[in-house]
Amino acid sequence: MAISMYSASVPVFTRMLGNLSHFLDKAEANAAARKFETSVLVAGRLAPDMLPFAYQVRIACDAAKLTFARVGGLEAPKFEDNETTFAELKERIAKTIAFIKTVKPEDMNGKEDISVTFKAGPVERTLSGEDYLKHWSTPNVYFHTTTAYNILRSNGVDLGKIDFLLGKV
């Protein structure tokens, strides 16, 4: 059986965002054990010119939900991009996952050849639905989830490969 647009998106993004929420749980426990505020991690970054942790979570969520808006023609939830706490970031992840769980196979399957036009910085791009999923949104979800993982890991949060791949086991 061929891989479908639905099977290549809904379960993949649900898993990655669930794992991202798991990272926040482990980071909260780490901060409590080490007696510091999680706000330090929310603002954390790996380099001075990169976006902080909160943005990594926001963009991972946005990359996932916009896939279903742009390819599936669905109305994605809108967020204010003002999360400053782990609780707020976890709520954003949960709302994004809840939205993704409403996507039906027929919303995505058969949309491989539609044109998806979107802004990427100052440039407008157009990709097929399949290329958008494979070469834009999926790499973005993974990139920003990985960057969030790396920010937490560099701050001493006990995360490992199994957390990234499987989340809470």
Protein backbone atom coordinates (compact mmCIF):
# COMPACT_ATOMS: atom_id res chain seq x y z
CA MET A 1 0.00 0.00 0.00
CA ALA A 2 1.27 3.46 -0.86
CA ILE A 3 1.84 6.06 1.81
CA SER A 4 -0.99 8.57 1.77
CA MET A 5 -0.86 12.32 2.39
CA TYR A 6 -2.96 11.69 5.51
CA SER A 7 -0.71 8.95 6.90
CA ALA A 8 2.40 11.03 6.16
CA SER A 9 1.04 14.02 8.08
CA VAL A 10 -1.57 13.44 10.79
CA PRO A 11 0.16 10.69 12.80
CA VAL A 12 3.62 12.14 12.19
CA PHE A 13 2.75 15.65 13.39
CA THR A 14 0.65 14.33 16.26
CA ARG A 15 3.61 12.24 17.46
CA MET A 16 6.17 15.04 17.11
CA LEU A 17 4.02 17.62 18.89
CA GLY A 18 3.18 15.09 21.62
CA ASN A 19 6.90 14.49 22.05
CA LEU A 20 7.47 18.25 22.19
CA SER A 21 4.93 18.47 25.04
CA HIS A 22 6.81 15.64 26.75
CA PHE A 23 10.02 17.70 26.50
CA LEU A 24 8.26 20.48 28.41
CA ASP A 25 7.17 18.02 31.14
CA LYS A 26 10.75 16.86 31.59
CA ALA A 27 12.02 20.45 31.56
CA GLU A 28 9.51 21.45 34.25
CA ALA A 29 10.63 18.57 36.45
CA ASN A 30 14.27 19.48 35.84
CA ALA A 31 13.68 23.13 36.75
CA ALA A 32 11.84 22.14 39.92
CA ALA A 33 14.62 19.76 40.96
CA ARG A 34 17.29 22.36 40.27
CA LYS A 35 15.18 25.16 41.80
CA PHE A 36 14.98 27.65 38.94
CA GLU A 37 12.12 29.23 37.02
CA THR A 38 11.12 27.73 33.69
CA SER A 39 10.96 31.27 32.29
CA VAL A 40 14.73 30.95 31.86
CA LEU A 41 14.12 28.08 29.44
CA VAL A 42 11.22 29.78 27.65
CA ALA A 43 13.64 32.54 26.65
CA GLY A 44 16.55 30.15 26.03
CA ARG A 45 18.37 30.02 22.72
CA LEU A 46 21.46 28.32 21.36
CA ALA A 47 22.91 31.43 19.73
CA PRO A 48 22.28 35.16 20.16
CA ASP A 49 20.81 35.55 16.67
CA MET A 50 18.31 32.70 16.84
CA LEU A 51 14.70 32.66 17.97
CA PRO A 52 14.13 31.59 21.59
CA PHE A 53 12.55 28.37 22.80
CA ALA A 54 8.99 29.75 22.89
CA TYR A 55 9.24 30.60 19.19
CA GLN A 56 10.50 27.11 18.37
CA VAL A 57 7.35 25.65 19.95
CA ARG A 58 5.12 28.18 18.19
CA ILE A 59 6.65 27.56 14.79
CA ALA A 60 6.50 23.75 15.15
CA CYS A 61 2.78 24.07 15.93
CA ASP A 62 2.22 26.53 13.09
CA ALA A 63 4.06 24.41 10.54
CA ALA A 64 1.85 21.46 11.42
CA LYS A 65 -1.51 23.25 11.50
CA LEU A 66 -0.82 25.27 8.34
CA THR A 67 -0.27 22.04 6.43
CA PHE A 68 -3.91 21.16 6.90
CA ALA A 69 -5.06 24.70 6.14
CA ARG A 70 -2.98 25.04 2.98
CA VAL A 71 -3.21 21.51 1.61
CA GLY A 72 -6.50 20.34 3.11
CA GLY A 73 -8.37 23.64 2.85
CA LEU A 74 -9.27 23.55 6.54
CA GLU A 75 -9.64 26.50 8.90
CA ALA A 76 -6.63 26.31 11.23
CA PRO A 77 -6.87 27.72 14.74
CA LYS A 78 -5.30 31.12 15.23
CA PHE A 79 -3.00 31.83 18.15
CA GLU A 80 -1.82 35.17 19.48
CA ASP A 81 1.86 34.15 19.70
CA ASN A 82 2.09 35.53 23.23
CA GLU A 83 2.90 32.42 25.26
CA THR A 84 5.41 33.14 28.02
CA THR A 85 5.04 30.09 30.27
CA PHE A 86 5.36 26.35 29.89
CA ALA A 87 1.65 26.00 30.71
CA GLU A 88 0.76 28.33 27.84
CA LEU A 89 3.12 26.57 25.44
CA LYS A 90 1.69 23.18 26.42
CA GLU A 91 -1.82 24.55 25.86
CA ARG A 92 -0.83 25.69 22.36
CA ILE A 93 0.58 22.25 21.59
CA ALA A 94 -2.57 20.58 22.94
CA LYS A 95 -4.85 22.84 20.86
CA THR A 96 -2.78 22.13 17.76
CA ILE A 97 -2.96 18.38 18.35
CA ALA A 98 -6.72 18.63 18.97
CA PHE A 99 -7.10 20.41 15.62
CA ILE A 100 -4.95 17.82 13.83
CA LYS A 101 -7.12 15.04 15.26
CA THR A 102 -10.13 16.56 13.44
CA VAL A 103 -8.44 16.08 10.05
CA LYS A 104 -10.00 13.28 8.02
CA PRO A 105 -8.22 11.20 5.37
CA GLU A 106 -10.32 12.79 2.64
CA ASP A 107 -9.06 16.23 3.71
CA MET A 108 -5.52 15.30 2.66
CA ASN A 109 -5.59 12.30 0.34
CA GLY A 110 -5.72 13.14 -3.34
CA LYS A 111 -4.27 16.63 -2.75
CA GLU A 112 -0.77 15.73 -3.95
CA ASP A 113 -1.03 17.89 -7.08
CA ILE A 114 -2.81 20.98 -5.78
CA SER A 115 -0.82 24.22 -5.80
CA VAL A 116 0.15 25.64 -2.44
CA THR A 117 1.33 29.24 -2.50
CA PHE A 118 2.75 30.73 0.69
CA LYS A 119 5.12 33.40 1.96
CA ALA A 120 8.53 32.29 3.18
CA GLY A 121 10.10 35.43 4.54
CA PRO A 122 9.96 38.04 1.79
CA VAL A 123 9.54 35.44 -0.99
CA GLU A 124 6.33 33.89 -2.23
CA ARG A 125 6.68 30.22 -3.08
CA THR A 126 4.44 27.72 -4.83
CA LEU A 127 4.77 23.97 -4.34
CA SER A 128 2.54 21.01 -5.06
CA GLY A 129 0.64 19.65 -2.07
CA GLU A 130 2.97 16.66 -1.91
CA ASP A 131 6.10 18.78 -2.14
CA TYR A 132 4.75 21.19 0.45
CA LEU A 133 4.20 18.30 2.87
CA LYS A 134 7.47 16.49 2.11
CA HIS A 135 9.86 19.38 1.56
CA TRP A 136 8.44 22.27 3.57
CA SER A 137 6.10 21.48 6.46
CA THR A 138 7.52 18.15 7.64
CA PRO A 139 11.11 19.46 7.71
CA ASN A 140 9.88 22.57 9.54
CA VAL A 141 8.08 20.54 12.23
CA TYR A 142 11.19 18.41 12.72
CA PHE A 143 13.60 21.36 12.61
CA HIS A 144 11.79 23.40 15.26
CA THR A 145 11.07 20.37 17.45
CA THR A 146 14.76 19.44 17.25
CA THR A 147 15.83 22.99 18.02
CA ALA A 148 13.51 23.09 21.06
CA TYR A 149 14.99 19.75 22.17
CA ASN A 150 18.52 21.11 21.74
CA ILE A 151 17.80 24.28 23.71
CA LEU A 152 16.48 22.24 26.63
CA ARG A 153 19.27 19.67 26.39
CA SER A 154 21.93 22.40 26.35
CA ASN A 155 20.40 23.72 29.58
CA GLY A 156 20.80 20.40 31.35
CA VAL A 157 17.35 18.87 30.84
CA ASP A 158 17.68 15.09 30.88
CA LEU A 159 16.43 14.34 27.37
CA GLY A 160 17.65 11.58 25.13
CA LYS A 161 17.02 10.16 21.71
CA ILE A 162 14.18 7.99 23.00
CA ASP A 163 12.38 11.15 24.22
CA PHE A 164 12.65 12.61 20.73
CA LEU A 165 11.55 9.44 18.94
CA LEU A 166 8.91 8.08 21.30
CA GLY A 167 8.08 10.77 23.82
CA LYS A 168 6.55 9.52 27.03
CA VAL A 169 7.03 5.75 27.24
